[in-house]
Amino acid sequence: MSNKFCPQCASALVECVINSEIRKACPLAECGFVQWNNPTPVVAIIVELPEGVVMAHNVSWPQEFFSIITGFLEAGEDPAECAVRETKEELNLGCSSCSLVGVYPFEQQNQVIIAYHVAAFGEIKLNQELDAFRVVPVDRLKPWNMGTGLAVAEWLAQQR
């Protein structure tokens, strides 16, 4: 997200070069605010049930798009704990194991994705963010070439 005004003093931000990168910064030397535009950490979860991997549809997505579960990392939260929390919040499933798959850039959304695989149990009950799900057998799971799809591809390669 890019601000137009300094959140500290309300001056209009200006573009300048800092550490060889174009940044927006407050023009007032006494303020010193720099908008670094760091990526947001997002946890992605490959939720596996005995029948396969859960793919869910977010209410705000195009009708045909399903993906693995994702959620924003809370301040001070361990990413693995976030994976377990999001699995419970979004699908109402418990986790018997949780392991790191990898970390991936998602420049289109200015995010860094920290991906986990969880072995889950229970009965799926979707929260208000999701309106549909599919359980895809692992041998029929097809990764996509960006974002969380990179994690799915790496996890599938690890399974072989």
N, C-alpha and C. Protein backbone atom coordinates (compact mmCIF):
# COMPACT_ATOMS: atom_id res chain seq x y z
N MET A 1 0.84 -1.17 0.00
CA MET A 1 0.00 0.00 0.00
C MET A 1 0.89 1.23 0.00
N SER A 2 0.54 2.19 -0.79
CA SER A 2 1.35 3.38 -0.93
C SER A 2 0.58 4.59 -0.43
N ASN A 3 1.15 5.25 0.58
CA ASN A 3 0.54 6.46 1.12
C ASN A 3 0.91 7.66 0.27
N LYS A 4 0.04 8.67 0.23
CA LYS A 4 0.34 9.92 -0.44
C LYS A 4 0.88 10.95 0.55
N PHE A 5 0.52 10.76 1.82
CA PHE A 5 0.91 11.71 2.85
C PHE A 5 1.64 11.01 3.98
N CYS A 6 2.51 11.73 4.63
CA CYS A 6 3.29 11.20 5.74
C CYS A 6 2.35 10.87 6.90
N PRO A 7 2.41 9.65 7.43
CA PRO A 7 1.54 9.30 8.57
C PRO A 7 1.98 9.96 9.88
N GLN A 8 3.16 10.56 9.89
CA GLN A 8 3.67 11.20 11.11
C GLN A 8 3.37 12.70 11.17
N CYS A 9 3.46 13.40 9.99
CA CYS A 9 3.27 14.86 10.03
C CYS A 9 2.31 15.39 8.97
N ALA A 10 1.79 14.52 8.12
CA ALA A 10 0.79 14.84 7.09
C ALA A 10 1.34 15.61 5.89
N SER A 11 2.64 15.76 5.77
CA SER A 11 3.23 16.38 4.58
C SER A 11 3.07 15.43 3.39
N ALA A 12 2.98 16.01 2.19
CA ALA A 12 2.91 15.18 0.98
C ALA A 12 4.25 14.46 0.80
N LEU A 13 4.18 13.15 0.59
CA LEU A 13 5.40 12.38 0.37
C LEU A 13 5.97 12.67 -1.01
N VAL A 14 7.29 12.59 -1.12
CA VAL A 14 7.97 12.81 -2.40
C VAL A 14 8.82 11.59 -2.72
N GLU A 15 9.04 11.35 -4.01
CA GLU A 15 9.91 10.25 -4.41
C GLU A 15 11.36 10.68 -4.28
N CYS A 16 12.19 9.78 -3.77
CA CYS A 16 13.62 10.04 -3.65
C CYS A 16 14.36 8.70 -3.73
N VAL A 17 15.65 8.75 -3.91
CA VAL A 17 16.46 7.54 -3.99
C VAL A 17 17.12 7.32 -2.63
N ILE A 18 16.83 6.15 -2.04
CA ILE A 18 17.42 5.76 -0.76
C ILE A 18 17.96 4.35 -0.94
N ASN A 19 19.23 4.17 -0.64
CA ASN A 19 19.88 2.86 -0.81
C ASN A 19 19.66 2.30 -2.22
N SER A 20 19.81 3.16 -3.22
CA SER A 20 19.69 2.80 -4.64
C SER A 20 18.28 2.39 -5.05
N GLU A 21 17.29 2.65 -4.24
CA GLU A 21 15.90 2.31 -4.55
C GLU A 21 15.06 3.58 -4.51
N ILE A 22 14.07 3.66 -5.40
CA ILE A 22 13.14 4.78 -5.35
C ILE A 22 12.13 4.51 -4.25
N ARG A 23 12.06 5.44 -3.31
CA ARG A 23 11.14 5.34 -2.18
C ARG A 23 10.33 6.62 -2.09
N LYS A 24 9.24 6.56 -1.34
CA LYS A 24 8.52 7.77 -0.98
C LYS A 24 8.94 8.13 0.43
N ALA A 25 9.19 9.43 0.63
CA ALA A 25 9.66 9.88 1.93
C ALA A 25 9.10 11.26 2.23
N CYS A 26 9.12 11.60 3.51
CA CYS A 26 8.69 12.91 3.94
C CYS A 26 9.79 13.91 3.59
N PRO A 27 9.42 15.05 2.98
CA PRO A 27 10.44 16.03 2.61
C PRO A 27 11.00 16.81 3.80
N LEU A 28 10.37 16.71 4.96
CA LEU A 28 10.83 17.45 6.13
C LEU A 28 11.94 16.69 6.83
N ALA A 29 13.13 17.26 6.87
CA ALA A 29 14.29 16.59 7.47
C ALA A 29 14.04 16.23 8.93
N GLU A 30 13.32 17.06 9.65
CA GLU A 30 13.07 16.77 11.07
C GLU A 30 12.10 15.60 11.27
N CYS A 31 11.33 15.26 10.26
CA CYS A 31 10.39 14.14 10.37
C CYS A 31 11.12 12.82 10.10
N GLY A 32 11.70 12.69 8.90
CA GLY A 32 12.51 11.51 8.58
C GLY A 32 11.74 10.27 8.17
N PHE A 33 10.43 10.36 7.97
CA PHE A 33 9.66 9.17 7.60
C PHE A 33 10.02 8.69 6.19
N VAL A 34 10.22 7.38 6.05
CA VAL A 34 10.44 6.73 4.76
C VAL A 34 9.43 5.61 4.63
N GLN A 35 8.74 5.57 3.50
CA GLN A 35 7.81 4.46 3.23
C GLN A 35 8.60 3.36 2.55
N TRP A 36 8.95 2.32 3.30
CA TRP A 36 9.81 1.25 2.79
C TRP A 36 9.07 0.29 1.88
N ASN A 37 7.75 0.18 2.05
CA ASN A 37 6.94 -0.71 1.22
C ASN A 37 7.40 -2.17 1.30
N ASN A 38 7.74 -2.60 2.50
CA ASN A 38 8.17 -3.98 2.71
C ASN A 38 7.01 -4.94 2.44
N PRO A 39 7.31 -6.16 1.97
CA PRO A 39 6.23 -7.12 1.71
C PRO A 39 5.56 -7.58 3.00
N THR A 40 4.31 -7.93 2.87
CA THR A 40 3.51 -8.44 3.98
C THR A 40 3.70 -9.95 4.09
N PRO A 41 3.98 -10.48 5.29
CA PRO A 41 4.11 -11.94 5.43
C PRO A 41 2.74 -12.62 5.44
N VAL A 42 2.62 -13.62 4.59
CA VAL A 42 1.39 -14.41 4.47
C VAL A 42 1.76 -15.88 4.67
N VAL A 43 0.96 -16.59 5.43
CA VAL A 43 1.18 -18.02 5.62
C VAL A 43 0.21 -18.77 4.71
N ALA A 44 0.74 -19.70 3.93
CA ALA A 44 -0.07 -20.56 3.07
C ALA A 44 0.00 -21.97 3.63
N ILE A 45 -1.13 -22.66 3.58
CA ILE A 45 -1.19 -23.98 4.19
C ILE A 45 -1.72 -25.01 3.20
N ILE A 46 -0.91 -26.03 2.95
CA ILE A 46 -1.35 -27.18 2.18
C ILE A 46 -1.98 -28.12 3.20
N VAL A 47 -3.31 -28.09 3.25
CA VAL A 47 -4.06 -28.87 4.23
C VAL A 47 -4.38 -30.22 3.62
N GLU A 48 -3.80 -31.27 4.22
CA GLU A 48 -3.99 -32.61 3.67
C GLU A 48 -4.85 -33.45 4.61
N LEU A 49 -5.92 -33.98 4.05
CA LEU A 49 -6.77 -34.97 4.71
C LEU A 49 -6.43 -36.33 4.10
N PRO A 50 -6.88 -37.43 4.67
CA PRO A 50 -6.60 -38.73 4.06
C PRO A 50 -7.04 -38.83 2.59
N GLU A 51 -8.10 -38.10 2.21
CA GLU A 51 -8.62 -38.15 0.83
C GLU A 51 -7.86 -37.26 -0.13
N GLY A 52 -7.10 -36.28 0.38
CA GLY A 52 -6.38 -35.37 -0.50
C GLY A 52 -6.19 -33.99 0.12
N VAL A 53 -5.85 -33.03 -0.74
CA VAL A 53 -5.55 -31.66 -0.32
C VAL A 53 -6.80 -30.79 -0.46
N VAL A 54 -7.06 -29.99 0.56
CA VAL A 54 -8.22 -29.10 0.55
C VAL A 54 -7.90 -27.87 -0.29
N MET A 55 -8.74 -27.61 -1.27
CA MET A 55 -8.69 -26.41 -2.09
C MET A 55 -9.97 -25.63 -1.80
N ALA A 56 -9.83 -24.35 -1.50
CA ALA A 56 -11.00 -23.56 -1.10
C ALA A 56 -11.21 -22.37 -2.02
N HIS A 57 -12.44 -21.89 -2.03
CA HIS A 57 -12.82 -20.71 -2.82
C HIS A 57 -13.17 -19.57 -1.89
N ASN A 58 -12.44 -18.46 -2.03
CA ASN A 58 -12.71 -17.26 -1.25
C ASN A 58 -13.89 -16.53 -1.87
N VAL A 59 -14.74 -15.95 -1.04
CA VAL A 59 -15.95 -15.28 -1.54
C VAL A 59 -15.65 -14.13 -2.50
N SER A 60 -14.45 -13.56 -2.44
CA SER A 60 -14.12 -12.41 -3.30
C SER A 60 -13.40 -12.80 -4.59
N TRP A 61 -13.13 -14.08 -4.81
CA TRP A 61 -12.40 -14.52 -5.99
C TRP A 61 -13.33 -14.84 -7.15
N PRO A 62 -12.76 -14.90 -8.38
CA PRO A 62 -13.55 -15.39 -9.52
C PRO A 62 -14.07 -16.80 -9.22
N GLN A 63 -15.23 -17.12 -9.74
CA GLN A 63 -15.93 -18.36 -9.43
C GLN A 63 -15.09 -19.62 -9.63
N GLU A 64 -14.26 -19.65 -10.67
CA GLU A 64 -13.52 -20.87 -11.00
C GLU A 64 -12.22 -21.05 -10.22
N PHE A 65 -11.81 -20.05 -9.43
CA PHE A 65 -10.51 -20.11 -8.79
C PHE A 65 -10.59 -20.70 -7.38
N PHE A 66 -9.85 -21.78 -7.17
CA PHE A 66 -9.70 -22.41 -5.86
C PHE A 66 -8.21 -22.42 -5.54
N SER A 67 -7.87 -22.34 -4.27
CA SER A 67 -6.48 -22.35 -3.86
C SER A 67 -6.33 -23.00 -2.50
N ILE A 68 -5.07 -23.12 -2.07
CA ILE A 68 -4.83 -23.61 -0.72
C ILE A 68 -5.18 -22.50 0.28
N ILE A 69 -5.20 -22.82 1.54
CA ILE A 69 -5.58 -21.88 2.59
C ILE A 69 -4.45 -20.88 2.83
N THR A 70 -4.81 -19.63 3.04
CA THR A 70 -3.83 -18.60 3.35
C THR A 70 -4.35 -17.70 4.47
N GLY A 71 -3.42 -17.03 5.13
CA GLY A 71 -3.80 -16.08 6.16
C GLY A 71 -2.63 -15.18 6.50
N PHE A 72 -2.94 -14.01 7.02
CA PHE A 72 -1.90 -13.07 7.39
C PHE A 72 -1.30 -13.45 8.74
N LEU A 73 0.01 -13.33 8.81
CA LEU A 73 0.74 -13.57 10.04
C LEU A 73 0.46 -12.41 10.99
N GLU A 74 0.06 -12.73 12.22
CA GLU A 74 -0.21 -11.71 13.23
C GLU A 74 1.11 -11.25 13.86
N ALA A 75 1.14 -10.04 14.38
CA ALA A 75 2.33 -9.52 15.06
C ALA A 75 2.72 -10.46 16.20
N GLY A 76 3.98 -10.85 16.23
CA GLY A 76 4.48 -11.71 17.30
C GLY A 76 4.11 -13.18 17.18
N GLU A 77 3.42 -13.55 16.13
CA GLU A 77 2.96 -14.94 15.96
C GLU A 77 4.01 -15.77 15.23
N ASP A 78 4.24 -16.98 15.70
CA ASP A 78 5.11 -17.93 15.01
C ASP A 78 4.39 -18.39 13.74
N PRO A 79 5.07 -18.41 12.58
CA PRO A 79 4.40 -18.81 11.34
C PRO A 79 3.77 -20.20 11.39
N ALA A 80 4.41 -21.16 12.06
CA ALA A 80 3.82 -22.50 12.17
C ALA A 80 2.53 -22.46 12.99
N GLU A 81 2.51 -21.66 14.05
CA GLU A 81 1.29 -21.50 14.85
C GLU A 81 0.19 -20.84 14.02
N CYS A 82 0.59 -19.90 13.15
CA CYS A 82 -0.38 -19.26 12.25
C CYS A 82 -0.99 -20.30 11.31
N ALA A 83 -0.19 -21.23 10.81
CA ALA A 83 -0.70 -22.27 9.92
C ALA A 83 -1.76 -23.11 10.61
N VAL A 84 -1.50 -23.49 11.85
CA VAL A 84 -2.46 -24.28 12.62
C VAL A 84 -3.71 -23.45 12.92
N ARG A 85 -3.51 -22.18 13.31
CA ARG A 85 -4.64 -21.30 13.63
C ARG A 85 -5.53 -21.09 12.41
N GLU A 86 -4.93 -20.78 11.26
CA GLU A 86 -5.72 -20.53 10.05
C GLU A 86 -6.47 -21.78 9.59
N THR A 87 -5.86 -22.95 9.75
CA THR A 87 -6.53 -24.20 9.40
C THR A 87 -7.78 -24.38 10.24
N LYS A 88 -7.67 -24.06 11.52
CA LYS A 88 -8.83 -24.15 12.43
C LYS A 88 -9.87 -23.08 12.10
N GLU A 89 -9.41 -21.82 11.93
CA GLU A 89 -10.34 -20.72 11.67
C GLU A 89 -11.10 -20.86 10.36
N GLU A 90 -10.40 -21.23 9.30
CA GLU A 90 -11.03 -21.24 7.99
C GLU A 90 -11.74 -22.54 7.65
N LEU A 91 -11.24 -23.67 8.20
CA LEU A 91 -11.82 -24.97 7.84
C LEU A 91 -12.38 -25.74 9.02
N ASN A 92 -12.11 -25.29 10.24
CA ASN A 92 -12.53 -25.99 11.46
C ASN A 92 -11.86 -27.36 11.59
N LEU A 93 -10.63 -27.46 11.10
CA LEU A 93 -9.90 -28.73 11.18
C LEU A 93 -8.76 -28.63 12.19
N GLY A 94 -8.50 -29.74 12.86
CA GLY A 94 -7.34 -29.83 13.72
C GLY A 94 -6.15 -30.29 12.92
N CYS A 95 -4.95 -30.13 13.49
CA CYS A 95 -3.71 -30.51 12.80
C CYS A 95 -2.93 -31.50 13.65
N SER A 96 -2.53 -32.62 13.05
CA SER A 96 -1.71 -33.58 13.78
C SER A 96 -0.22 -33.38 13.52
N SER A 97 0.11 -32.66 12.44
CA SER A 97 1.51 -32.31 12.17
C SER A 97 1.54 -31.06 11.31
N CYS A 98 2.67 -30.35 11.40
CA CYS A 98 2.84 -29.11 10.64
C CYS A 98 4.31 -28.99 10.28
N SER A 99 4.62 -28.88 8.98
CA SER A 99 6.01 -28.78 8.56
C SER A 99 6.18 -27.72 7.47
N LEU A 100 7.31 -27.03 7.54
CA LEU A 100 7.61 -25.97 6.58
C LEU A 100 7.87 -26.57 5.20
N VAL A 101 7.26 -25.98 4.18
CA VAL A 101 7.50 -26.37 2.79
C VAL A 101 8.55 -25.44 2.18
N GLY A 102 8.38 -24.13 2.37
CA GLY A 102 9.32 -23.17 1.82
C GLY A 102 8.80 -21.74 1.92
N VAL A 103 9.61 -20.82 1.43
CA VAL A 103 9.28 -19.40 1.45
C VAL A 103 9.37 -18.88 0.02
N TYR A 104 8.36 -18.10 -0.41
CA TYR A 104 8.24 -17.72 -1.81
C TYR A 104 7.84 -16.25 -1.95
N PRO A 105 8.43 -15.55 -2.93
CA PRO A 105 8.00 -14.17 -3.18
C PRO A 105 6.68 -14.17 -3.93
N PHE A 106 5.85 -13.18 -3.66
CA PHE A 106 4.63 -12.97 -4.43
C PHE A 106 4.55 -11.48 -4.71
N GLU A 107 5.36 -11.06 -5.68
CA GLU A 107 5.52 -9.64 -5.98
C GLU A 107 4.23 -8.97 -6.42
N GLN A 108 3.33 -9.70 -7.09
CA GLN A 108 2.09 -9.11 -7.57
C GLN A 108 1.26 -8.53 -6.43
N GLN A 109 1.37 -9.11 -5.23
CA GLN A 109 0.62 -8.63 -4.07
C GLN A 109 1.54 -8.01 -3.01
N ASN A 110 2.82 -7.84 -3.33
CA ASN A 110 3.82 -7.35 -2.38
C ASN A 110 3.78 -8.17 -1.09
N GLN A 111 3.85 -9.48 -1.26
CA GLN A 111 3.81 -10.40 -0.12
C GLN A 111 4.99 -11.36 -0.18
N VAL A 112 5.32 -11.90 0.96
CA VAL A 112 6.22 -13.04 1.03
C VAL A 112 5.41 -14.18 1.63
N ILE A 113 5.39 -15.31 0.95
CA ILE A 113 4.56 -16.45 1.38
C ILE A 113 5.43 -17.45 2.12
N ILE A 114 5.00 -17.80 3.31
CA ILE A 114 5.66 -18.82 4.13
C ILE A 114 4.71 -20.01 4.11
N ALA A 115 5.10 -21.08 3.43
CA ALA A 115 4.18 -22.19 3.19
C ALA A 115 4.46 -23.39 4.09
N TYR A 116 3.38 -23.98 4.58
CA TYR A 116 3.43 -25.16 5.44
C TYR A 116 2.54 -26.24 4.88
N HIS A 117 2.85 -27.48 5.25
CA HIS A 117 1.97 -28.62 5.01
C HIS A 117 1.46 -29.06 6.37
N VAL A 118 0.15 -29.27 6.47
CA VAL A 118 -0.40 -29.82 7.71
C VAL A 118 -1.19 -31.07 7.39
N ALA A 119 -1.03 -32.06 8.24
CA ALA A 119 -1.89 -33.24 8.21
C ALA A 119 -3.07 -32.88 9.11
N ALA A 120 -4.26 -32.90 8.53
CA ALA A 120 -5.43 -32.40 9.26
C ALA A 120 -6.44 -33.51 9.53
N PHE A 121 -7.33 -33.22 10.47
CA PHE A 121 -8.40 -34.15 10.82
C PHE A 121 -9.64 -33.38 11.22
N GLY A 122 -10.78 -34.03 11.10
CA GLY A 122 -12.05 -33.41 11.49
C GLY A 122 -12.96 -33.25 10.30
N GLU A 123 -14.06 -32.53 10.54
CA GLU A 123 -15.06 -32.28 9.50
C GLU A 123 -14.96 -30.82 9.08
N ILE A 124 -14.86 -30.58 7.78
CA ILE A 124 -14.72 -29.22 7.28
C ILE A 124 -16.00 -28.43 7.51
N LYS A 125 -15.83 -27.26 8.12
CA LYS A 125 -16.90 -26.26 8.26
C LYS A 125 -16.26 -24.93 7.89
N LEU A 126 -16.68 -24.36 6.76
CA LEU A 126 -16.08 -23.14 6.25
C LEU A 126 -16.45 -21.92 7.08
N ASN A 127 -15.50 -20.98 7.20
CA ASN A 127 -15.83 -19.72 7.86
C ASN A 127 -16.41 -18.76 6.83
N GLN A 128 -16.66 -17.51 7.22
CA GLN A 128 -17.32 -16.53 6.35
C GLN A 128 -16.46 -16.09 5.16
N GLU A 129 -15.15 -16.32 5.20
CA GLU A 129 -14.27 -15.93 4.09
C GLU A 129 -14.39 -16.87 2.89
N LEU A 130 -14.84 -18.10 3.15
CA LEU A 130 -14.88 -19.13 2.11
C LEU A 130 -16.31 -19.55 1.83
N ASP A 131 -16.59 -19.89 0.57
CA ASP A 131 -17.95 -20.33 0.24
C ASP A 131 -18.01 -21.70 -0.43
N ALA A 132 -16.84 -22.31 -0.69
CA ALA A 132 -16.83 -23.64 -1.30
C ALA A 132 -15.45 -24.26 -1.09
N PHE A 133 -15.41 -25.59 -1.18
CA PHE A 133 -14.13 -26.28 -1.11
C PHE A 133 -14.20 -27.55 -1.94
N ARG A 134 -13.01 -28.05 -2.25
CA ARG A 134 -12.85 -29.34 -2.93
C ARG A 134 -11.70 -30.05 -2.23
N VAL A 135 -11.79 -31.35 -2.17
CA VAL A 135 -10.66 -32.14 -1.70
C VAL A 135 -10.11 -32.86 -2.92
N VAL A 136 -8.88 -32.51 -3.28
CA VAL A 136 -8.26 -33.02 -4.51
C VAL A 136 -7.25 -34.11 -4.14
N PRO A 137 -7.40 -35.32 -4.68
CA PRO A 137 -6.40 -36.35 -4.42
C PRO A 137 -5.01 -35.84 -4.81
N VAL A 138 -4.00 -36.19 -4.04
CA VAL A 138 -2.65 -35.69 -4.26
C VAL A 138 -2.17 -35.96 -5.69
N ASP A 139 -2.48 -37.12 -6.24
CA ASP A 139 -2.02 -37.45 -7.60
C ASP A 139 -2.75 -36.65 -8.68
N ARG A 140 -3.80 -35.91 -8.33
CA ARG A 140 -4.53 -35.08 -9.30
C ARG A 140 -4.31 -33.59 -9.07
N LEU A 141 -3.51 -33.25 -8.07
CA LEU A 141 -3.25 -31.86 -7.73
C LEU A 141 -2.31 -31.24 -8.77
N LYS A 142 -2.69 -30.10 -9.32
CA LYS A 142 -1.90 -29.41 -10.35
C LYS A 142 -1.47 -28.04 -9.82
N PRO A 143 -0.15 -27.80 -9.69
CA PRO A 143 0.30 -26.49 -9.23
C PRO A 143 0.15 -25.42 -10.30
N TRP A 144 0.16 -24.16 -9.90
CA TRP A 144 0.10 -23.02 -10.80
C TRP A 144 1.43 -22.29 -10.67
N ASN A 145 1.73 -21.39 -11.59
CA ASN A 145 3.09 -20.87 -11.71
C ASN A 145 3.37 -19.57 -10.94
N MET A 146 2.63 -19.27 -9.91
CA MET A 146 2.91 -18.08 -9.10
C MET A 146 2.34 -18.24 -7.70
N GLY A 147 2.80 -17.38 -6.80
CA GLY A 147 2.25 -17.34 -5.45
C GLY A 147 2.24 -18.70 -4.77
N THR A 148 1.09 -19.07 -4.25
CA THR A 148 0.97 -20.33 -3.50
C THR A 148 1.18 -21.56 -4.38
N GLY A 149 1.01 -21.41 -5.69
CA GLY A 149 1.26 -22.53 -6.60
C GLY A 149 2.70 -23.00 -6.57
N LEU A 150 3.64 -22.09 -6.29
CA LEU A 150 5.05 -22.48 -6.17
C LEU A 150 5.25 -23.41 -4.98
N ALA A 151 4.54 -23.15 -3.90
CA ALA A 151 4.62 -24.02 -2.72
C ALA A 151 4.02 -25.40 -3.03
N VAL A 152 2.89 -25.41 -3.73
CA VAL A 152 2.27 -26.68 -4.09
C VAL A 152 3.22 -27.49 -4.97
N ALA A 153 3.86 -26.84 -5.94
CA ALA A 153 4.81 -27.54 -6.82
C ALA A 153 5.97 -28.14 -6.03
N GLU A 154 6.52 -27.37 -5.11
CA GLU A 154 7.65 -27.87 -4.32
C GLU A 154 7.22 -29.02 -3.41
N TRP A 155 6.05 -28.88 -2.80
CA TRP A 155 5.55 -29.94 -1.91
C TRP A 155 5.31 -31.23 -2.71
N LEU A 156 4.72 -31.11 -3.89
CA LEU A 156 4.49 -32.29 -4.73
C LEU A 156 5.82 -32.95 -5.12
N ALA A 157 6.82 -32.14 -5.43
CA ALA A 157 8.15 -32.70 -5.77
C ALA A 157 8.74 -33.43 -4.58
N GLN A 158 8.52 -32.92 -3.37
CA GLN A 158 9.01 -33.58 -2.17
C GLN A 158 8.30 -34.91 -1.91
N GLN A 159 7.08 -35.06 -2.41
CA GLN A 159 6.30 -36.28 -2.21
C GLN A 159 6.78 -37.42 -3.10
N ARG A 160 7.44 -37.07 -4.20
CA ARG A 160 7.87 -38.09 -5.18
C ARG A 160 9.15 -38.75 -4.77
